[in-house]
Amino acid sequence: MTGTTLRLDKFLWHARLCKTRPAQPVRVGDLLVVSHGGWRRQIEILGLGERRGPASEAQLLYRETAAPTRLTPVDPGWTALLAEDDD
């Protein structure tokens, strides 16, 4: 893991996970929980990306750490973007 950071909004844009632009630094190895397309996804950042490329390239920037879960109508779909540290 390197000390290089990228703003969260740029990572989410490069990884094609979000269209919003929250300015929060993220690093390789960070864990995120994001709501995307009616699903809640838990991911680990594997790379930061330098551009918004094709989907096949974007998928190399992260890996799923758990199976996606479907958001229910009762669930507002909001969750904290940065997973809490267990340290």
PDB file of N, CA and C in Angstrom:
ATOM      1  N   MET A   1       0.843  -1.175   0.000  1.00  0.00           N
ATOM      2  CA  MET A   1       0.000   0.000   0.000  1.00  0.00           C
ATOM      3  C   MET A   1       0.887   1.237   0.000  1.00  0.00           C
ATOM      4  N   THR A   2       0.587   2.194  -0.855  1.00  0.00           N
ATOM      5  CA  THR A   2       1.375   3.417  -0.943  1.00  0.00           C
ATOM      6  C   THR A   2       0.676   4.542  -0.208  1.00  0.00           C
ATOM      7  N   GLY A   3       1.397   5.631   0.015  1.00  0.00           N
ATOM      8  CA  GLY A   3       0.831   6.789   0.681  1.00  0.00           C
ATOM      9  C   GLY A   3       0.116   7.730  -0.276  1.00  0.00           C
ATOM     10  N   THR A   4       0.095   7.407  -1.555  1.00  0.00           N
ATOM     11  CA  THR A   4      -0.552   8.252  -2.546  1.00  0.00           C
ATOM     12  C   THR A   4      -2.047   8.295  -2.286  1.00  0.00           C
ATOM     13  N   THR A   5      -2.636   9.488  -2.392  1.00  0.00           N
ATOM     14  CA  THR A   5      -4.078   9.625  -2.203  1.00  0.00           C
ATOM     15  C   THR A   5      -4.716  10.218  -3.450  1.00  0.00           C
ATOM     16  N   LEU A   6      -6.016  10.059  -3.515  1.00  0.00           N
ATOM     17  CA  LEU A   6      -6.826  10.648  -4.572  1.00  0.00           C
ATOM     18  C   LEU A   6      -8.139  11.044  -3.926  1.00  0.00           C
ATOM     19  N   ARG A   7      -8.738  12.131  -4.348  1.00  0.00           N
ATOM     20  CA  ARG A   7     -10.021  12.522  -3.774  1.00  0.00           C
ATOM     21  C   ARG A   7     -11.058  11.445  -4.062  1.00  0.00           C
ATOM     22  N   LEU A   8     -11.910  11.191  -3.066  1.00  0.00           N
ATOM     23  CA  LEU A   8     -12.945  10.175  -3.166  1.00  0.00           C
ATOM     24  C   LEU A   8     -13.812  10.380  -4.399  1.00  0.00           C
ATOM     25  N   ASP A   9     -14.204  11.614  -4.667  1.00  0.00           N
ATOM     26  CA  ASP A   9     -15.068  11.865  -5.821  1.00  0.00           C
ATOM     27  C   ASP A   9     -14.399  11.434  -7.124  1.00  0.00           C
ATOM     28  N   LYS A  10     -13.099  11.664  -7.246  1.00  0.00           N
ATOM     29  CA  LYS A  10     -12.396  11.260  -8.467  1.00  0.00           C
ATOM     30  C   LYS A  10     -12.296   9.740  -8.556  1.00  0.00           C
ATOM     31  N   PHE A  11     -12.006   9.061  -7.416  1.00  0.00           N
ATOM     32  CA  PHE A  11     -11.951   7.603  -7.443  1.00  0.00           C
ATOM     33  C   PHE A  11     -13.307   7.020  -7.852  1.00  0.00           C
ATOM     34  N   LEU A  12     -14.390   7.479  -7.225  1.00  0.00           N
ATOM     35  CA  LEU A  12     -15.722   6.957  -7.550  1.00  0.00           C
ATOM     36  C   LEU A  12     -16.070   7.225  -9.006  1.00  0.00           C
ATOM     37  N   TRP A  13     -15.639   8.359  -9.537  1.00  0.00           N
ATOM     38  CA  TRP A  13     -15.862   8.699 -10.944  1.00  0.00           C
ATOM     39  C   TRP A  13     -15.046   7.760 -11.841  1.00  0.00           C
ATOM     40  N   HIS A  14     -13.757   7.570 -11.544  1.00  0.00           N
ATOM     41  CA  HIS A  14     -12.896   6.695 -12.352  1.00  0.00           C
ATOM     42  C   HIS A  14     -13.394   5.250 -12.308  1.00  0.00           C
ATOM     43  N   ALA A  15     -13.861   4.798 -11.139  1.00  0.00           N
ATOM     44  CA  ALA A  15     -14.315   3.420 -10.987  1.00  0.00           C
ATOM     45  C   ALA A  15     -15.761   3.227 -11.453  1.00  0.00           C
ATOM     46  N   ARG A  16     -16.385   4.300 -11.914  1.00  0.00           N
ATOM     47  CA  ARG A  16     -17.758   4.262 -12.416  1.00  0.00           C
ATOM     48  C   ARG A  16     -18.750   3.735 -11.375  1.00  0.00           C
ATOM     49  N   LEU A  17     -18.519   4.119 -10.115  1.00  0.00           N
ATOM     50  CA  LEU A  17     -19.409   3.711  -9.043  1.00  0.00           C
ATOM     51  C   LEU A  17     -20.390   4.809  -8.651  1.00  0.00           C
ATOM     52  N   CYS A  18     -20.106   6.031  -9.031  1.00  0.00           N
ATOM     53  CA  CYS A  18     -20.924   7.151  -8.586  1.00  0.00           C
ATOM     54  C   CYS A  18     -20.779   8.319  -9.557  1.00  0.00           C
ATOM     55  N   LYS A  19     -21.801   9.141  -9.598  1.00  0.00           N
ATOM     56  CA  LYS A  19     -21.707  10.358 -10.387  1.00  0.00           C
ATOM     57  C   LYS A  19     -21.517  11.575  -9.489  1.00  0.00           C
ATOM     58  N   THR A  20     -21.649  11.393  -8.170  1.00  0.00           N
ATOM     59  CA  THR A  20     -21.492  12.508  -7.249  1.00  0.00           C
ATOM     60  C   THR A  20     -20.020  12.812  -7.044  1.00  0.00           C
ATOM     61  N   ARG A  21     -19.732  13.969  -6.442  1.00  0.00           N
ATOM     62  CA  ARG A  21     -18.354  14.392  -6.301  1.00  0.00           C
ATOM     63  C   ARG A  21     -18.017  14.781  -4.856  1.00  0.00           C
ATOM     64  N   PRO A  22     -18.104  13.856  -3.842  1.00  0.00           N
ATOM     65  CA  PRO A  22     -17.672  14.214  -2.471  1.00  0.00           C
ATOM     66  C   PRO A  22     -16.154  14.264  -2.392  1.00  0.00           C
ATOM     67  N   ALA A  23     -15.604  15.388  -1.976  1.00  0.00           N
ATOM     68  CA  ALA A  23     -14.149  15.564  -1.939  1.00  0.00           C
ATOM     69  C   ALA A  23     -13.585  15.032  -0.618  1.00  0.00           C
ATOM     70  N   GLN A  24     -13.165  13.781  -0.613  1.00  0.00           N
ATOM     71  CA  GLN A  24     -12.595  13.117   0.561  1.00  0.00           C
ATOM     72  C   GLN A  24     -11.444  12.263   0.061  1.00  0.00           C
ATOM     73  N   PRO A  25     -10.229  12.377   0.647  1.00  0.00           N
ATOM     74  CA  PRO A  25      -9.110  11.574   0.131  1.00  0.00           C
ATOM     75  C   PRO A  25      -9.274  10.086   0.440  1.00  0.00           C
ATOM     76  N   VAL A  26      -8.906   9.243  -0.508  1.00  0.00           N
ATOM     77  CA  VAL A  26      -8.898   7.790  -0.333  1.00  0.00           C
ATOM     78  C   VAL A  26      -7.552   7.259  -0.804  1.00  0.00           C
ATOM     79  N   ARG A  27      -7.173   6.088  -0.281  1.00  0.00           N
ATOM     80  CA  ARG A  27      -5.904   5.435  -0.645  1.00  0.00           C
ATOM     81  C   ARG A  27      -6.177   4.004  -1.068  1.00  0.00           C
ATOM     82  N   VAL A  28      -5.204   3.432  -1.757  1.00  0.00           N
ATOM     83  CA  VAL A  28      -5.240   2.004  -2.061  1.00  0.00           C
ATOM     84  C   VAL A  28      -5.320   1.272  -0.726  1.00  0.00           C
ATOM     85  N   GLY A  29      -6.227   0.322  -0.631  1.00  0.00           N
ATOM     86  CA  GLY A  29      -6.419  -0.434   0.600  1.00  0.00           C
ATOM     87  C   GLY A  29      -7.606   0.037   1.422  1.00  0.00           C
ATOM     88  N   ASP A  30      -8.118   1.250   1.163  1.00  0.00           N
ATOM     89  CA  ASP A  30      -9.289   1.735   1.897  1.00  0.00           C
ATOM     90  C   ASP A  30     -10.502   0.881   1.551  1.00  0.00           C
ATOM     91  N   LEU A  31     -11.405   0.745   2.522  1.00  0.00           N
ATOM     92  CA  LEU A  31     -12.658   0.017   2.333  1.00  0.00           C
ATOM     93  C   LEU A  31     -13.795   1.016   2.257  1.00  0.00           C
ATOM     94  N   LEU A  32     -14.691   0.822   1.301  1.00  0.00           N
ATOM     95  CA  LEU A  32     -15.844   1.702   1.110  1.00  0.00           C
ATOM     96  C   LEU A  32     -17.121   0.896   1.102  1.00  0.00           C
ATOM     97  N   VAL A  33     -18.204   1.524   1.545  1.00  0.00           N
ATOM     98  CA  VAL A  33     -19.539   0.978   1.397  1.00  0.00           C
ATOM     99  C   VAL A  33     -20.306   2.012   0.579  1.00  0.00           C
ATOM    100  N   VAL A  34     -20.774   1.615  -0.603  1.00  0.00           N
ATOM    101  CA  VAL A  34     -21.471   2.554  -1.483  1.00  0.00           C
ATOM    102  C   VAL A  34     -22.790   1.960  -1.934  1.00  0.00           C
ATOM    103  N   SER A  35     -23.768   2.845  -2.130  1.00  0.00           N
ATOM    104  CA  SER A  35     -25.035   2.445  -2.728  1.00  0.00           C
ATOM    105  C   SER A  35     -24.941   2.785  -4.207  1.00  0.00           C
ATOM    106  N   HIS A  36     -25.233   1.818  -5.056  1.00  0.00           N
ATOM    107  CA  HIS A  36     -25.057   1.999  -6.491  1.00  0.00           C
ATOM    108  C   HIS A  36     -26.089   1.170  -7.235  1.00  0.00           C
ATOM    109  N   GLY A  37     -26.945   1.816  -7.990  1.00  0.00           N
ATOM    110  CA  GLY A  37     -27.921   1.108  -8.814  1.00  0.00           C
ATOM    111  C   GLY A  37     -28.872   0.226  -8.021  1.00  0.00           C
ATOM    112  N   GLY A  38     -29.298   0.665  -6.832  1.00  0.00           N
ATOM    113  CA  GLY A  38     -30.219  -0.124  -6.026  1.00  0.00           C
ATOM    114  C   GLY A  38     -29.550  -1.208  -5.195  1.00  0.00           C
ATOM    115  N   TRP A  39     -28.232  -1.228  -5.188  1.00  0.00           N
ATOM    116  CA  TRP A  39     -27.466  -2.229  -4.444  1.00  0.00           C
ATOM    117  C   TRP A  39     -26.507  -1.538  -3.489  1.00  0.00           C
ATOM    118  N   ARG A  40     -26.260  -2.141  -2.347  1.00  0.00           N
ATOM    119  CA  ARG A  40     -25.225  -1.691  -1.420  1.00  0.00           C
ATOM    120  C   ARG A  40     -24.025  -2.600  -1.660  1.00  0.00           C
ATOM    121  N   ARG A  41     -22.883  -1.980  -1.925  1.00  0.00           N
ATOM    122  CA  ARG A  41     -21.679  -2.733  -2.256  1.00  0.00           C
ATOM    123  C   ARG A  41     -20.555  -2.371  -1.298  1.00  0.00           C
ATOM    124  N   GLN A  42     -19.812  -3.374  -0.872  1.00  0.00           N
ATOM    125  CA  GLN A  42     -18.633  -3.170  -0.038  1.00  0.00           C
ATOM    126  C   GLN A  42     -17.421  -3.479  -0.905  1.00  0.00           C
ATOM    127  N   ILE A  43     -16.522  -2.507  -0.999  1.00  0.00           N
ATOM    128  CA  ILE A  43     -15.377  -2.673  -1.890  1.00  0.00           C
ATOM    129  C   ILE A  43     -14.080  -2.283  -1.198  1.00  0.00           C
ATOM    130  N   GLU A  44     -12.988  -2.838  -1.702  1.00  0.00           N
ATOM    131  CA  GLU A  44     -11.640  -2.440  -1.307  1.00  0.00           C
ATOM    132  C   GLU A  44     -11.004  -1.764  -2.516  1.00  0.00           C
ATOM    133  N   ILE A  45     -10.361  -0.625  -2.297  1.00  0.00           N
ATOM    134  CA  ILE A  45      -9.710   0.104  -3.383  1.00  0.00           C
ATOM    135  C   ILE A  45      -8.390  -0.581  -3.713  1.00  0.00           C
ATOM    136  N   LEU A  46      -8.230  -0.985  -4.978  1.00  0.00           N
ATOM    137  CA  LEU A  46      -7.009  -1.643  -5.452  1.00  0.00           C
ATOM    138  C   LEU A  46      -6.116  -0.699  -6.243  1.00  0.00           C
ATOM    139  N   GLY A  47      -6.701   0.323  -6.837  1.00  0.00           N
ATOM    140  CA  GLY A  47      -5.962   1.306  -7.627  1.00  0.00           C
ATOM    141  C   GLY A  47      -6.762   2.590  -7.676  1.00  0.00           C
ATOM    142  N   LEU A  48      -6.084   3.708  -7.959  1.00  0.00           N
ATOM    143  CA  LEU A  48      -6.776   4.993  -7.934  1.00  0.00           C
ATOM    144  C   LEU A  48      -7.265   5.441  -9.307  1.00  0.00           C
ATOM    145  N   GLY A  49      -6.651   4.998 -10.350  1.00  0.00           N
ATOM    146  CA  GLY A  49      -7.067   5.399 -11.692  1.00  0.00           C
ATOM    147  C   GLY A  49      -6.587   6.792 -12.033  1.00  0.00           C
ATOM    148  N   GLU A  50      -6.423   7.019 -13.309  1.00  0.00           N
ATOM    149  CA  GLU A  50      -5.974   8.328 -13.784  1.00  0.00           C
ATOM    150  C   GLU A  50      -7.008   8.993 -14.680  1.00  0.00           C
ATOM    151  N   ARG A  51      -8.031   8.231 -15.062  1.00  0.00           N
ATOM    152  CA  ARG A  51      -9.067   8.780 -15.945  1.00  0.00           C
ATOM    153  C   ARG A  51     -10.317   7.925 -15.804  1.00  0.00           C
ATOM    154  N   ARG A  52     -11.405   8.403 -16.351  1.00  0.00           N
ATOM    155  CA  ARG A  52     -12.637   7.621 -16.401  1.00  0.00           C
ATOM    156  C   ARG A  52     -12.607   6.854 -17.718  1.00  0.00           C
ATOM    157  N   GLY A  53     -12.181   5.613 -17.644  1.00  0.00           N
ATOM    158  CA  GLY A  53     -12.045   4.791 -18.837  1.00  0.00           C
ATOM    159  C   GLY A  53     -13.238   3.862 -19.008  1.00  0.00           C
ATOM    160  N   PRO A  54     -13.082   2.840 -19.832  1.00  0.00           N
ATOM    161  CA  PRO A  54     -14.169   1.884 -20.056  1.00  0.00           C
ATOM    162  C   PRO A  54     -14.441   1.064 -18.787  1.00  0.00           C
ATOM    163  N   ALA A  55     -15.614   0.457 -18.726  1.00  0.00           N
ATOM    164  CA  ALA A  55     -16.026  -0.318 -17.552  1.00  0.00           C
ATOM    165  C   ALA A  55     -15.018  -1.415 -17.222  1.00  0.00           C
ATOM    166  N   SER A  56     -14.468  -2.068 -18.235  1.00  0.00           N
ATOM    167  CA  SER A  56     -13.500  -3.148 -17.984  1.00  0.00           C
ATOM    168  C   SER A  56     -12.264  -2.626 -17.250  1.00  0.00           C
ATOM    169  N   GLU A  57     -11.840  -1.423 -17.560  1.00  0.00           N
ATOM    170  CA  GLU A  57     -10.706  -0.793 -16.884  1.00  0.00           C
ATOM    171  C   GLU A  57     -11.110  -0.335 -15.483  1.00  0.00           C
ATOM    172  N   ALA A  58     -12.297   0.196 -15.341  1.00  0.00           N
ATOM    173  CA  ALA A  58     -12.789   0.678 -14.050  1.00  0.00           C
ATOM    174  C   ALA A  58     -12.891  -0.460 -13.034  1.00  0.00           C
ATOM    175  N   GLN A  59     -13.270  -1.635 -13.470  1.00  0.00           N
ATOM    176  CA  GLN A  59     -13.440  -2.776 -12.568  1.00  0.00           C
ATOM    177  C   GLN A  59     -12.115  -3.260 -11.973  1.00  0.00           C
ATOM    178  N   LEU A  60     -10.997  -2.860 -12.551  1.00  0.00           N
ATOM    179  CA  LEU A  60      -9.689  -3.226 -12.018  1.00  0.00           C
ATOM    180  C   LEU A  60      -9.283  -2.352 -10.824  1.00  0.00           C
ATOM    181  N   LEU A  61     -10.044  -1.292 -10.558  1.00  0.00           N
ATOM    182  CA  LEU A  61      -9.714  -0.356  -9.493  1.00  0.00           C
ATOM    183  C   LEU A  61     -10.203  -0.811  -8.119  1.00  0.00           C
ATOM    184  N   TYR A  62     -11.049  -1.823  -8.060  1.00  0.00           N
ATOM    185  CA  TYR A  62     -11.608  -2.262  -6.778  1.00  0.00           C
ATOM    186  C   TYR A  62     -11.972  -3.735  -6.827  1.00  0.00           C
ATOM    187  N   ARG A  63     -12.199  -4.312  -5.620  1.00  0.00           N
ATOM    188  CA  ARG A  63     -12.731  -5.664  -5.551  1.00  0.00           C
ATOM    189  C   ARG A  63     -13.847  -5.678  -4.526  1.00  0.00           C
ATOM    190  N   GLU A  64     -14.836  -6.499  -4.774  1.00  0.00           N
ATOM    191  CA  GLU A  64     -15.952  -6.657  -3.836  1.00  0.00           C
ATOM    192  C   GLU A  64     -15.442  -7.435  -2.625  1.00  0.00           C
ATOM    193  N   THR A  65     -15.719  -6.942  -1.400  1.00  0.00           N
ATOM    194  CA  THR A  65     -15.305  -7.646  -0.190  1.00  0.00           C
ATOM    195  C   THR A  65     -16.457  -8.437   0.415  1.00  0.00           C
ATOM    196  N   ALA A  66     -17.657  -8.247  -0.103  1.00  0.00           N
ATOM    197  CA  ALA A  66     -18.850  -8.984   0.329  1.00  0.00           C
ATOM    198  C   ALA A  66     -19.822  -8.982  -0.842  1.00  0.00           C
ATOM    199  N   ALA A  67     -20.750  -9.903  -0.813  1.00  0.00           N
ATOM    200  CA  ALA A  67     -21.765  -9.939  -1.867  1.00  0.00           C
ATOM    201  C   ALA A  67     -22.627  -8.678  -1.782  1.00  0.00           C
ATOM    202  N   PRO A  68     -22.973  -8.076  -2.918  1.00  0.00           N
ATOM    203  CA  PRO A  68     -23.846  -6.908  -2.893  1.00  0.00           C
ATOM    204  C   PRO A  68     -25.198  -7.268  -2.278  1.00  0.00           C
ATOM    205  N   THR A  69     -25.799  -6.321  -1.574  1.00  0.00           N
ATOM    206  CA  THR A  69     -27.132  -6.537  -1.009  1.00  0.00           C
ATOM    207  C   THR A  69     -28.102  -5.563  -1.644  1.00  0.00           C
ATOM    208  N   ARG A  70     -29.297  -6.061  -1.939  1.00  0.00           N
ATOM    209  CA  ARG A  70     -30.342  -5.258  -2.575  1.00  0.00           C
ATOM    210  C   ARG A  70     -30.916  -4.293  -1.554  1.00  0.00           C
ATOM    211  N   LEU A  71     -31.044  -3.026  -1.926  1.00  0.00           N
ATOM    212  CA  LEU A  71     -31.671  -2.046  -1.051  1.00  0.00           C
ATOM    213  C   LEU A  71     -33.183  -2.261  -1.081  1.00  0.00           C
ATOM    214  N   THR A  72     -33.802  -2.227   0.073  1.00  0.00           N
ATOM    215  CA  THR A  72     -35.254  -2.410   0.158  1.00  0.00           C
ATOM    216  C   THR A  72     -35.922  -1.044   0.141  1.00  0.00           C
ATOM    217  N   PRO A  73     -37.227  -0.986  -0.156  1.00  0.00           N
ATOM    218  CA  PRO A  73     -37.930   0.310  -0.147  1.00  0.00           C
ATOM    219  C   PRO A  73     -37.877   0.998   1.222  1.00  0.00           C
ATOM    220  N   VAL A  74     -37.774   0.232   2.303  1.00  0.00           N
ATOM    221  CA  VAL A  74     -37.703   0.808   3.639  1.00  0.00           C
ATOM    222  C   VAL A  74     -36.337   1.435   3.881  1.00  0.00           C
ATOM    223  N   ASP A  75     -35.297   0.873   3.259  1.00  0.00           N
ATOM    224  CA  ASP A  75     -33.930   1.367   3.396  1.00  0.00           C
ATOM    225  C   ASP A  75     -33.795   2.650   2.577  1.00  0.00           C
ATOM    226  N   PRO A  76     -33.374   3.774   3.203  1.00  0.00           N
ATOM    227  CA  PRO A  76     -33.255   5.013   2.439  1.00  0.00           C
ATOM    228  C   PRO A  76     -32.126   5.007   1.433  1.00  0.00           C
ATOM    229  N   GLY A  77     -31.237   4.001   1.482  1.00  0.00           N
ATOM    230  CA  GLY A  77     -30.163   3.912   0.510  1.00  0.00           C
ATOM    231  C   GLY A  77     -28.955   4.744   0.857  1.00  0.00           C
ATOM    232  N   TRP A  78     -28.959   5.384   2.026  1.00  0.00           N
ATOM    233  CA  TRP A  78     -27.815   6.190   2.423  1.00  0.00           C
ATOM    234  C   TRP A  78     -26.949   5.392   3.374  1.00  0.00           C
ATOM    235  N   THR A  79     -25.659   5.483   3.177  1.00  0.00           N
ATOM    236  CA  THR A  79     -24.717   4.864   4.087  1.00  0.00           C
ATOM    237  C   THR A  79     -23.442   5.659   4.082  1.00  0.00           C
ATOM    238  N   ALA A  80     -22.676   5.587   5.143  1.00  0.00           N
ATOM    239  CA  ALA A  80     -21.403   6.288   5.190  1.00  0.00           C
ATOM    240  C   ALA A  80     -20.502   5.743   4.088  1.00  0.00           C
ATOM    241  N   LEU A  81     -19.781   6.608   3.413  1.00  0.00           N
ATOM    242  CA  LEU A  81     -18.930   6.169   2.305  1.00  0.00           C
ATOM    243  C   LEU A  81     -17.686   5.456   2.782  1.00  0.00           C
ATOM    244  N   LEU A  82     -17.115   5.902   3.889  1.00  0.00           N
ATOM    245  CA  LEU A  82     -15.896   5.271   4.367  1.00  0.00           C
ATOM    246  C   LEU A  82     -16.243   4.263   5.453  1.00  0.00           C
ATOM    247  N   ALA A  83     -15.815   3.041   5.263  1.00  0.00           N
ATOM    248  CA  ALA A  83     -16.062   2.003   6.277  1.00  0.00           C
ATOM    249  C   ALA A  83     -15.284   2.347   7.533  1.00  0.00           C
ATOM    250  N   GLU A  84     -15.836   1.993   8.685  1.00  0.00           N
ATOM    251  CA  GLU A  84     -15.158   2.290   9.945  1.00  0.00           C
ATOM    252  C   GLU A  84     -13.971   1.341  10.119  1.00  0.00           C
ATOM    253  N   ASP A  85     -12.892   1.883  10.687  1.00  0.00           N
ATOM    254  CA  ASP A  85     -11.703   1.074  10.955  1.00  0.00           C
ATOM    255  C   ASP A  85     -11.968   0.149  12.140  1.00  0.00           C
ATOM    256  N   ASP A  86     -11.432  -1.067  12.095  1.00  0.00           N
ATOM    257  CA  ASP A  86     -11.538  -1.999  13.203  1.00  0.00           C
ATOM    258  C   ASP A  86     -10.354  -1.878  14.135  1.00  0.00           C
ATOM    259  N   ASP A  87      -9.427  -0.959  13.848  1.00  0.00           N
ATOM    260  CA  ASP A  87      -8.204  -0.813  14.651  1.00  0.00           C
ATOM    261  C   ASP A  87      -8.529  -0.297  16.028  1.00  0.00           C
TER     262      ASP A  87
END
